[in-house]
């Protein structure tokens, strides 16, 4: 599953941490920031340059939920599934989001516009039910409001 990643994006990151010890997670974080996820070629290059086995890198990447091995959407939707949100209907909002986007929780739309995630808590119970799109919070939502918000992001020119 090779995507022929542009490794020139990785070079400045590797140069910055050249010959430093204990930088694997930092390098992975910066590489993911540059690519949006961690392509195989990027992990192989990091393995070679940092002299860390590829199996060790995959162990780190799969252990931490912050790392992604597949492309992610330009807009990340996070729907709270905490108790306050759940009792106020977040499950219905999830159904509408999945239907509207044509994907399930944990997936990314084919056009890479949206990734849909659920989270245990967004820490904004007073806004329940609440979702985030990128860094913006939307609270006291109905299913229809959530659908309208997502549709507004799908319009040309509306991205974070």
Foldseek 3Di string as FASTA:
>chain_A
DAPPDDCVLLVVLLVVCQPPPPCLVVSQVSVCVSVVAQEPVNLVVCCVRVVNDSVVSVVVQVVDPVHHHDHAALKEKEWEPEPLQVVLPSVVLQVLVCVLQVHHAQDAHPVSHYHHHYDPDPPPSVFHRWMDIHHDIDGPDDSVVSSVVVVVCVDPPRGD
